[in-house]
């Protein structure tokens, strides 16, 4: 893969907690405009790897590059501002706020007005807020939640809260959308709907990095997949290659799981 096609480059990344290596020297390149999956059994280090990439946890070793730039000195909020946003395995909403306000909070990095301008409610701030509200409504419509914009976020069922997280992440216009277990707790119809929404997001040019346990979901969605086991990378390839990889079959999938995913 040429340097010009790589959006995210993870190089020998490790995270140690005492003597335990939760992530152990993992490397991979995620290309621009593609969907890249991370799979592995429970405790393989997937969510820890996501936290290292997004800046929520410090690296023990290694380097994360985003579009060629070293992210070592860039905090989590700074990574969001330059085009790297994420959702979490456990839904994180501001339940006491409306659905539209939740999405608008995600878009604060788009606003250029300073704190004092916000307090004084200057015309430029009002214009920015109006633009952000309109954009937030567009993303709520995109994920099918426009009719619930005024409802409290806490009143949404679990599947719709997942979609709200995606709308909030997308309002900043990311180049890379990171999703940690987005299909967790969804029923069959909700999972199919999520799959179509993510394909539409990707079709607009946004790259996606996704951790997921639903093998049928991730095999049908991803262009490439990396497999972790005990914190280390054991395989990488297309979904077809991953299904056939002996190390993956032995460590994680099993023949029945592969057949079900295919």
C-alpha atoms as a PDB file:
ATOM      1  CA  UNK A   1       0.000   0.000   0.000  1.00  0.00           C
ATOM      2  CA  UNK A   2       1.520   3.340  -1.052  1.00  0.00           C
ATOM      3  CA  UNK A   3       1.912   6.146   1.473  1.00  0.00           C
ATOM      4  CA  UNK A   4      -0.539   8.332  -0.423  1.00  0.00           C
ATOM      5  CA  UNK A   5      -3.368   5.824   0.023  1.00  0.00           C
ATOM      6  CA  UNK A   6      -2.898   5.311   3.790  1.00  0.00           C
ATOM      7  CA  UNK A   7      -5.061   7.320   6.189  1.00  0.00           C
ATOM      8  CA  UNK A   8      -4.229   5.614   9.492  1.00  0.00           C
ATOM      9  CA  UNK A   9      -0.905   3.915  10.131  1.00  0.00           C
ATOM     10  CA  UNK A  10      -0.400   1.996  13.382  1.00  0.00           C
ATOM     11  CA  UNK A  11       3.235   1.095  13.976  1.00  0.00           C
ATOM     12  CA  UNK A  12       4.393  -1.391  16.676  1.00  0.00           C
ATOM     13  CA  UNK A  13       1.789  -0.062  19.111  1.00  0.00           C
ATOM     14  CA  UNK A  14       1.847  -1.526  22.625  1.00  0.00           C
ATOM     15  CA  UNK A  15       0.045  -0.945  25.898  1.00  0.00           C
ATOM     16  CA  UNK A  16       1.265  -2.530  29.122  1.00  0.00           C
ATOM     17  CA  UNK A  17      -0.444  -2.606  32.493  1.00  0.00           C
ATOM     18  CA  UNK A  18       2.287  -3.691  34.858  1.00  0.00           C
ATOM     19  CA  UNK A  19       3.622  -6.918  33.407  1.00  0.00           C
ATOM     20  CA  UNK A  20       0.584  -7.524  31.200  1.00  0.00           C
ATOM     21  CA  UNK A  21       0.658  -6.493  27.533  1.00  0.00           C
ATOM     22  CA  UNK A  22      -2.952  -5.656  26.606  1.00  0.00           C
ATOM     23  CA  UNK A  23      -1.726  -4.624  23.136  1.00  0.00           C
ATOM     24  CA  UNK A  24       1.571  -6.088  21.970  1.00  0.00           C
ATOM     25  CA  UNK A  25       3.399  -4.542  19.012  1.00  0.00           C
ATOM     26  CA  UNK A  26       0.407  -4.211  16.684  1.00  0.00           C
ATOM     27  CA  UNK A  27       0.940  -2.720  13.219  1.00  0.00           C
ATOM     28  CA  UNK A  28      -1.424  -2.152  10.289  1.00  0.00           C
ATOM     29  CA  UNK A  29      -2.343   0.445   7.664  1.00  0.00           C
ATOM     30  CA  UNK A  30      -5.956   1.512   7.111  1.00  0.00           C
ATOM     31  CA  UNK A  31      -6.485   3.009   3.641  1.00  0.00           C
ATOM     32  CA  UNK A  32      -8.340   6.194   2.802  1.00  0.00           C
ATOM     33  CA  UNK A  33     -12.013   5.776   1.976  1.00  0.00           C
ATOM     34  CA  UNK A  34     -12.200   2.098   2.984  1.00  0.00           C
ATOM     35  CA  UNK A  35     -13.760   0.100   5.833  1.00  0.00           C
ATOM     36  CA  UNK A  36     -11.198  -1.633   8.032  1.00  0.00           C
ATOM     37  CA  UNK A  37     -12.258  -4.113  10.723  1.00  0.00           C
ATOM     38  CA  UNK A  38     -10.610  -5.282  13.948  1.00  0.00           C
ATOM     39  CA  UNK A  39     -11.753  -8.611  15.354  1.00  0.00           C
ATOM     40  CA  UNK A  40     -10.653 -11.044  18.028  1.00  0.00           C
ATOM     41  CA  UNK A  41     -11.925 -12.947  21.066  1.00  0.00           C
ATOM     42  CA  UNK A  42     -12.855 -11.246  24.321  1.00  0.00           C
ATOM     43  CA  UNK A  43      -9.759  -9.816  25.975  1.00  0.00           C
ATOM     44  CA  UNK A  44      -7.816  -9.645  22.703  1.00  0.00           C
ATOM     45  CA  UNK A  45      -7.092  -5.927  23.185  1.00  0.00           C
ATOM     46  CA  UNK A  46      -9.455  -4.470  20.587  1.00  0.00           C
ATOM     47  CA  UNK A  47     -11.016  -1.701  22.687  1.00  0.00           C
ATOM     48  CA  UNK A  48      -7.638  -0.867  24.237  1.00  0.00           C
ATOM     49  CA  UNK A  49      -6.201  -0.506  20.736  1.00  0.00           C
ATOM     50  CA  UNK A  50      -9.057   1.865  19.866  1.00  0.00           C
ATOM     51  CA  UNK A  51      -8.301   3.979  22.932  1.00  0.00           C
ATOM     52  CA  UNK A  52      -4.629   4.178  21.931  1.00  0.00           C
ATOM     53  CA  UNK A  53      -5.501   5.239  18.383  1.00  0.00           C
ATOM     54  CA  UNK A  54      -8.042   7.847  19.494  1.00  0.00           C
ATOM     55  CA  UNK A  55      -5.760   9.282  22.193  1.00  0.00           C
ATOM     56  CA  UNK A  56      -7.862   8.285  25.201  1.00  0.00           C
ATOM     57  CA  UNK A  57      -5.017   6.144  26.551  1.00  0.00           C
ATOM     58  CA  UNK A  58      -1.259   6.778  26.336  1.00  0.00           C
ATOM     59  CA  UNK A  59       0.970   4.481  24.333  1.00  0.00           C
ATOM     60  CA  UNK A  60       3.578   2.344  26.093  1.00  0.00           C
ATOM     61  CA  UNK A  61       5.430   1.940  22.784  1.00  0.00           C
ATOM     62  CA  UNK A  62       4.905   2.557  19.092  1.00  0.00           C
ATOM     63  CA  UNK A  63       3.463   5.326  16.952  1.00  0.00           C
ATOM     64  CA  UNK A  64       0.098   6.246  15.472  1.00  0.00           C
ATOM     65  CA  UNK A  65       0.133   8.283  12.253  1.00  0.00           C
ATOM     66  CA  UNK A  66      -2.967   9.974  10.834  1.00  0.00           C
ATOM     67  CA  UNK A  67      -2.622  11.069   7.216  1.00  0.00           C
ATOM     68  CA  UNK A  68       1.142  11.015   7.666  1.00  0.00           C
ATOM     69  CA  UNK A  69       1.261  13.045  10.906  1.00  0.00           C
ATOM     70  CA  UNK A  70       2.503  11.595  14.200  1.00  0.00           C
ATOM     71  CA  UNK A  71      -0.352  11.718  16.727  1.00  0.00           C
ATOM     72  CA  UNK A  72       1.921  11.313  19.760  1.00  0.00           C
ATOM     73  CA  UNK A  73       1.467  14.874  21.018  1.00  0.00           C
ATOM     74  CA  UNK A  74      -2.143  15.297  19.862  1.00  0.00           C
ATOM     75  CA  UNK A  75      -4.780  14.853  22.622  1.00  0.00           C
ATOM     76  CA  UNK A  76      -8.096  13.085  22.033  1.00  0.00           C
ATOM     77  CA  UNK A  77     -10.051  16.304  21.396  1.00  0.00           C
ATOM     78  CA  UNK A  78      -7.347  17.454  18.987  1.00  0.00           C
ATOM     79  CA  UNK A  79      -7.670  14.245  16.985  1.00  0.00           C
ATOM     80  CA  UNK A  80     -11.395  14.834  16.648  1.00  0.00           C
ATOM     81  CA  UNK A  81     -10.706  18.352  15.383  1.00  0.00           C
ATOM     82  CA  UNK A  82      -8.451  17.052  12.580  1.00  0.00           C
ATOM     83  CA  UNK A  83     -10.867  14.390  11.394  1.00  0.00           C
ATOM     84  CA  UNK A  84     -10.705  11.326  13.672  1.00  0.00           C
ATOM     85  CA  UNK A  85     -13.898  10.652  15.655  1.00  0.00           C
ATOM     86  CA  UNK A  86     -15.134   7.609  17.561  1.00  0.00           C
ATOM     87  CA  UNK A  87     -18.076   5.979  19.293  1.00  0.00           C
ATOM     88  CA  UNK A  88     -17.895   3.695  22.320  1.00  0.00           C
ATOM     89  CA  UNK A  89     -18.842   0.120  23.174  1.00  0.00           C
ATOM     90  CA  UNK A  90     -21.100   1.459  25.938  1.00  0.00           C
ATOM     91  CA  UNK A  91     -23.452   4.168  24.658  1.00  0.00           C
ATOM     92  CA  UNK A  92     -22.485   7.625  25.944  1.00  0.00           C
ATOM     93  CA  UNK A  93     -25.275  10.170  25.670  1.00  0.00           C
ATOM     94  CA  UNK A  94     -26.234  13.323  27.534  1.00  0.00           C
ATOM     95  CA  UNK A  95     -29.578  11.879  28.542  1.00  0.00           C
ATOM     96  CA  UNK A  96     -30.929  15.107  30.045  1.00  0.00           C
ATOM     97  CA  UNK A  97     -30.444  16.950  26.730  1.00  0.00           C
ATOM     98  CA  UNK A  98     -32.491  16.681  23.571  1.00  0.00           C
ATOM     99  CA  UNK A  99     -31.446  14.518  20.652  1.00  0.00           C
ATOM    100  CA  UNK A 100     -30.582  17.573  18.529  1.00  0.00           C
ATOM    101  CA  UNK A 101     -28.545  19.131  21.352  1.00  0.00           C
ATOM    102  CA  UNK A 102     -26.552  15.905  21.679  1.00  0.00           C
ATOM    103  CA  UNK A 103     -25.616  16.073  18.011  1.00  0.00           C
ATOM    104  CA  UNK A 104     -24.774  19.779  18.205  1.00  0.00           C
ATOM    105  CA  UNK A 105     -22.435  19.131  21.134  1.00  0.00           C
ATOM    106  CA  UNK A 106     -20.508  16.797  18.870  1.00  0.00           C
ATOM    107  CA  UNK A 107     -20.040  19.636  16.390  1.00  0.00           C
ATOM    108  CA  UNK A 108     -18.428  22.146  18.732  1.00  0.00           C
ATOM    109  CA  UNK A 109     -15.025  21.644  17.078  1.00  0.00           C
ATOM    110  CA  UNK A 110     -16.461  23.073  13.847  1.00  0.00           C
ATOM    111  CA  UNK A 111     -17.163  26.430  15.505  1.00  0.00           C
ATOM    112  CA  UNK A 112     -14.547  29.147  15.211  1.00  0.00           C
ATOM    113  CA  UNK A 113     -16.116  31.691  17.597  1.00  0.00           C
ATOM    114  CA  UNK A 114     -14.408  32.129  20.949  1.00  0.00           C
ATOM    115  CA  UNK A 115     -15.817  31.850  24.458  1.00  0.00           C
ATOM    116  CA  UNK A 116     -16.511  35.584  24.924  1.00  0.00           C
ATOM    117  CA  UNK A 117     -18.273  35.798  21.568  1.00  0.00           C
ATOM    118  CA  UNK A 118     -20.506  32.934  22.664  1.00  0.00           C
ATOM    119  CA  UNK A 119     -21.361  34.700  25.927  1.00  0.00           C
ATOM    120  CA  UNK A 120     -22.203  37.933  24.115  1.00  0.00           C
ATOM    121  CA  UNK A 121     -24.257  36.063  21.497  1.00  0.00           C
ATOM    122  CA  UNK A 122     -22.632  37.997  18.685  1.00  0.00           C
ATOM    123  CA  UNK A 123     -24.116  37.667  15.182  1.00  0.00           C
ATOM    124  CA  UNK A 124     -21.276  35.436  14.006  1.00  0.00           C
ATOM    125  CA  UNK A 125     -21.995  33.013  16.851  1.00  0.00           C
ATOM    126  CA  UNK A 126     -25.706  32.960  16.080  1.00  0.00           C
ATOM    127  CA  UNK A 127     -24.933  32.239  12.430  1.00  0.00           C
ATOM    128  CA  UNK A 128     -22.595  29.401  13.376  1.00  0.00           C
ATOM    129  CA  UNK A 129     -25.169  27.925  15.741  1.00  0.00           C
ATOM    130  CA  UNK A 130     -27.814  28.085  13.040  1.00  0.00           C
ATOM    131  CA  UNK A 131     -25.512  26.370  10.558  1.00  0.00           C
ATOM    132  CA  UNK A 132     -24.592  23.693  13.102  1.00  0.00           C
ATOM    133  CA  UNK A 133     -28.252  23.069  13.965  1.00  0.00           C
ATOM    134  CA  UNK A 134     -29.134  22.653  10.292  1.00  0.00           C
ATOM    135  CA  UNK A 135     -26.225  20.262   9.767  1.00  0.00           C
ATOM    136  CA  UNK A 136     -27.196  18.315  12.885  1.00  0.00           C
ATOM    137  CA  UNK A 137     -30.734  17.942  11.566  1.00  0.00           C
ATOM    138  CA  UNK A 138     -29.341  16.680   8.261  1.00  0.00           C
ATOM    139  CA  UNK A 139     -27.414  13.940  10.051  1.00  0.00           C
ATOM    140  CA  UNK A 140     -30.401  13.045  12.206  1.00  0.00           C
ATOM    141  CA  UNK A 141     -32.412  12.663   9.015  1.00  0.00           C
ATOM    142  CA  UNK A 142     -29.588  10.574   7.524  1.00  0.00           C
ATOM    143  CA  UNK A 143     -29.772   8.048  10.387  1.00  0.00           C
ATOM    144  CA  UNK A 144     -33.577   8.183  10.583  1.00  0.00           C
ATOM    145  CA  UNK A 145     -33.983  10.200  13.793  1.00  0.00           C
ATOM    146  CA  UNK A 146     -35.217  13.559  12.506  1.00  0.00           C
ATOM    147  CA  UNK A 147     -38.671  13.021  14.000  1.00  0.00           C
ATOM    148  CA  UNK A 148     -37.129  12.557  17.453  1.00  0.00           C
ATOM    149  CA  UNK A 149     -34.915  15.655  17.402  1.00  0.00           C
ATOM    150  CA  UNK A 150     -36.771  17.345  20.284  1.00  0.00           C
ATOM    151  CA  UNK A 151     -37.021  14.235  22.477  1.00  0.00           C
ATOM    152  CA  UNK A 152     -34.705  13.665  25.402  1.00  0.00           C
ATOM    153  CA  UNK A 153     -31.834  11.407  24.392  1.00  0.00           C
ATOM    154  CA  UNK A 154     -32.562   9.195  27.404  1.00  0.00           C
ATOM    155  CA  UNK A 155     -35.990   8.409  25.923  1.00  0.00           C
ATOM    156  CA  UNK A 156     -34.537   6.745  22.835  1.00  0.00           C
ATOM    157  CA  UNK A 157     -34.402   2.936  22.744  1.00  0.00           C
ATOM    158  CA  UNK A 158     -30.945   1.364  22.634  1.00  0.00           C
ATOM    159  CA  UNK A 159     -30.831   0.919  18.855  1.00  0.00           C
ATOM    160  CA  UNK A 160     -31.682   4.568  18.220  1.00  0.00           C
ATOM    161  CA  UNK A 161     -29.105   5.697  20.785  1.00  0.00           C
ATOM    162  CA  UNK A 162     -26.507   3.871  18.684  1.00  0.00           C
ATOM    163  CA  UNK A 163     -27.632   5.847  15.642  1.00  0.00           C
ATOM    164  CA  UNK A 164     -27.549   9.080  17.638  1.00  0.00           C
ATOM    165  CA  UNK A 165     -23.899   8.396  18.482  1.00  0.00           C
ATOM    166  CA  UNK A 166     -23.112   8.019  14.800  1.00  0.00           C
ATOM    167  CA  UNK A 167     -24.906  11.276  13.907  1.00  0.00           C
ATOM    168  CA  UNK A 168     -22.990  13.091  16.655  1.00  0.00           C
ATOM    169  CA  UNK A 169     -19.679  11.696  15.397  1.00  0.00           C
ATOM    170  CA  UNK A 170     -20.432  12.561  11.764  1.00  0.00           C
ATOM    171  CA  UNK A 171     -21.468  16.172  12.338  1.00  0.00           C
ATOM    172  CA  UNK A 172     -17.802  17.179  12.628  1.00  0.00           C
ATOM    173  CA  UNK A 173     -17.105  15.890   9.113  1.00  0.00           C
ATOM    174  CA  UNK A 174     -14.542  13.198  10.016  1.00  0.00           C
ATOM    175  CA  UNK A 175     -12.209  11.567   7.559  1.00  0.00           C
ATOM    176  CA  UNK A 176     -12.075   8.496   9.844  1.00  0.00           C
ATOM    177  CA  UNK A 177     -15.057   7.214  11.825  1.00  0.00           C
ATOM    178  CA  UNK A 178     -14.056   4.768  14.580  1.00  0.00           C
ATOM    179  CA  UNK A 179     -16.811   2.460  15.830  1.00  0.00           C
ATOM    180  CA  UNK A 180     -16.446   0.238  18.902  1.00  0.00           C
ATOM    181  CA  UNK A 181     -19.043  -2.576  18.834  1.00  0.00           C
ATOM    182  CA  UNK A 182     -21.771  -0.531  17.079  1.00  0.00           C
ATOM    183  CA  UNK A 183     -24.023  -3.577  16.550  1.00  0.00           C
ATOM    184  CA  UNK A 184     -23.929  -4.672  20.205  1.00  0.00           C
ATOM    185  CA  UNK A 185     -27.437  -5.185  21.556  1.00  0.00           C
ATOM    186  CA  UNK A 186     -29.168  -4.590  18.216  1.00  0.00           C
ATOM    187  CA  UNK A 187     -31.840  -6.904  16.843  1.00  0.00           C
ATOM    188  CA  UNK A 188     -31.739  -8.282  13.311  1.00  0.00           C
ATOM    189  CA  UNK A 189     -33.606  -5.430  11.635  1.00  0.00           C
ATOM    190  CA  UNK A 190     -31.572  -2.795  13.500  1.00  0.00           C
ATOM    191  CA  UNK A 191     -28.337  -4.511  12.483  1.00  0.00           C
ATOM    192  CA  UNK A 192     -29.330  -4.509   8.803  1.00  0.00           C
ATOM    193  CA  UNK A 193     -30.278  -0.828   9.046  1.00  0.00           C
ATOM    194  CA  UNK A 194     -26.932   0.009  10.677  1.00  0.00           C
ATOM    195  CA  UNK A 195     -25.094  -1.884   7.953  1.00  0.00           C
ATOM    196  CA  UNK A 196     -26.787   0.193   5.249  1.00  0.00           C
ATOM    197  CA  UNK A 197     -26.139   3.473   7.074  1.00  0.00           C
ATOM    198  CA  UNK A 198     -22.425   2.680   7.409  1.00  0.00           C
ATOM    199  CA  UNK A 199     -22.193   1.759   3.738  1.00  0.00           C
ATOM    200  CA  UNK A 200     -23.786   5.096   2.815  1.00  0.00           C
ATOM    201  CA  UNK A 201     -21.363   6.975   5.086  1.00  0.00           C
ATOM    202  CA  UNK A 202     -18.439   5.185   3.486  1.00  0.00           C
ATOM    203  CA  UNK A 203     -19.802   5.883  -0.001  1.00  0.00           C
ATOM    204  CA  UNK A 204     -19.501   9.604   0.821  1.00  0.00           C
ATOM    205  CA  UNK A 205     -15.752   9.135   1.274  1.00  0.00           C
ATOM    206  CA  UNK A 206     -15.436   8.632   5.043  1.00  0.00           C
ATOM    207  CA  UNK A 207     -13.099   5.817   6.055  1.00  0.00           C
ATOM    208  CA  UNK A 208     -14.339   3.559   8.858  1.00  0.00           C
ATOM    209  CA  UNK A 209     -12.368   1.609  11.469  1.00  0.00           C
ATOM    210  CA  UNK A 210     -14.628  -0.832  13.296  1.00  0.00           C
ATOM    211  CA  UNK A 211     -14.396  -3.318  16.159  1.00  0.00           C
ATOM    212  CA  UNK A 212     -17.240  -5.828  16.130  1.00  0.00           C
ATOM    213  CA  UNK A 213     -18.132  -9.309  17.407  1.00  0.00           C
ATOM    214  CA  UNK A 214     -20.933  -9.949  14.902  1.00  0.00           C
ATOM    215  CA  UNK A 215     -18.961 -11.917  12.319  1.00  0.00           C
ATOM    216  CA  UNK A 216     -21.628 -11.868   9.603  1.00  0.00           C
ATOM    217  CA  UNK A 217     -21.911  -8.105  10.020  1.00  0.00           C
ATOM    218  CA  UNK A 218     -18.197  -7.364   9.834  1.00  0.00           C
ATOM    219  CA  UNK A 219     -17.450  -9.862   7.063  1.00  0.00           C
ATOM    220  CA  UNK A 220     -20.119  -8.304   4.842  1.00  0.00           C
ATOM    221  CA  UNK A 221     -19.064  -4.716   5.623  1.00  0.00           C
ATOM    222  CA  UNK A 222     -15.260  -4.557   5.647  1.00  0.00           C
ATOM    223  CA  UNK A 223     -12.718  -4.239   2.844  1.00  0.00           C
ATOM    224  CA  UNK A 224      -9.909  -5.511   5.097  1.00  0.00           C
ATOM    225  CA  UNK A 225      -9.729  -7.022   8.573  1.00  0.00           C
ATOM    226  CA  UNK A 226      -6.979  -7.383  11.172  1.00  0.00           C
ATOM    227  CA  UNK A 227      -7.269 -10.123  13.794  1.00  0.00           C
ATOM    228  CA  UNK A 228      -5.942  -9.804  17.343  1.00  0.00           C
ATOM    229  CA  UNK A 229      -5.332 -12.564  19.875  1.00  0.00           C
ATOM    230  CA  UNK A 230      -3.893 -11.924  23.338  1.00  0.00           C
ATOM    231  CA  UNK A 231      -3.007  -8.390  22.282  1.00  0.00           C
ATOM    232  CA  UNK A 232      -1.011  -9.374  19.192  1.00  0.00           C
ATOM    233  CA  UNK A 233      -1.868  -9.303  15.495  1.00  0.00           C
ATOM    234  CA  UNK A 234      -2.207 -12.837  14.147  1.00  0.00           C
ATOM    235  CA  UNK A 235      -3.662 -12.130  10.700  1.00  0.00           C
ATOM    236  CA  UNK A 236      -4.681  -9.427   8.249  1.00  0.00           C
ATOM    237  CA  UNK A 237      -6.426  -9.584   4.900  1.00  0.00           C
ATOM    238  CA  UNK A 238      -9.688  -9.420   3.017  1.00  0.00           C
ATOM    239  CA  UNK A 239     -12.756 -11.089   4.559  1.00  0.00           C
ATOM    240  CA  UNK A 240     -12.249 -14.089   2.258  1.00  0.00           C
ATOM    241  CA  UNK A 241      -8.601 -14.407   3.319  1.00  0.00           C
ATOM    242  CA  UNK A 242      -9.517 -14.105   7.000  1.00  0.00           C
ATOM    243  CA  UNK A 243     -12.174 -16.826   6.693  1.00  0.00           C
ATOM    244  CA  UNK A 244      -9.525 -19.190   5.284  1.00  0.00           C
ATOM    245  CA  UNK A 245      -6.601 -18.282   7.576  1.00  0.00           C
ATOM    246  CA  UNK A 246      -5.626 -21.318   9.716  1.00  0.00           C
ATOM    247  CA  UNK A 247      -4.368 -19.157  12.592  1.00  0.00           C
ATOM    248  CA  UNK A 248      -7.685 -17.297  12.753  1.00  0.00           C
ATOM    249  CA  UNK A 249      -9.691 -20.515  12.628  1.00  0.00           C
ATOM    250  CA  UNK A 250      -7.651 -22.015  15.456  1.00  0.00           C
ATOM    251  CA  UNK A 251      -7.596 -18.927  17.682  1.00  0.00           C
ATOM    252  CA  UNK A 252     -11.022 -17.468  17.166  1.00  0.00           C
ATOM    253  CA  UNK A 253     -13.526 -18.249  14.476  1.00  0.00           C
ATOM    254  CA  UNK A 254     -13.819 -22.019  14.144  1.00  0.00           C
ATOM    255  CA  UNK A 255     -15.194 -23.602  11.018  1.00  0.00           C
ATOM    256  CA  UNK A 256     -18.838 -23.225  12.087  1.00  0.00           C
ATOM    257  CA  UNK A 257     -18.351 -19.503  12.739  1.00  0.00           C
ATOM    258  CA  UNK A 258     -16.724 -19.058   9.347  1.00  0.00           C
ATOM    259  CA  UNK A 259     -19.538 -20.889   7.612  1.00  0.00           C
ATOM    260  CA  UNK A 260     -22.112 -18.757   9.434  1.00  0.00           C
ATOM    261  CA  UNK A 261     -20.258 -15.535   8.534  1.00  0.00           C
ATOM    262  CA  UNK A 262     -20.001 -16.501   4.883  1.00  0.00           C
END
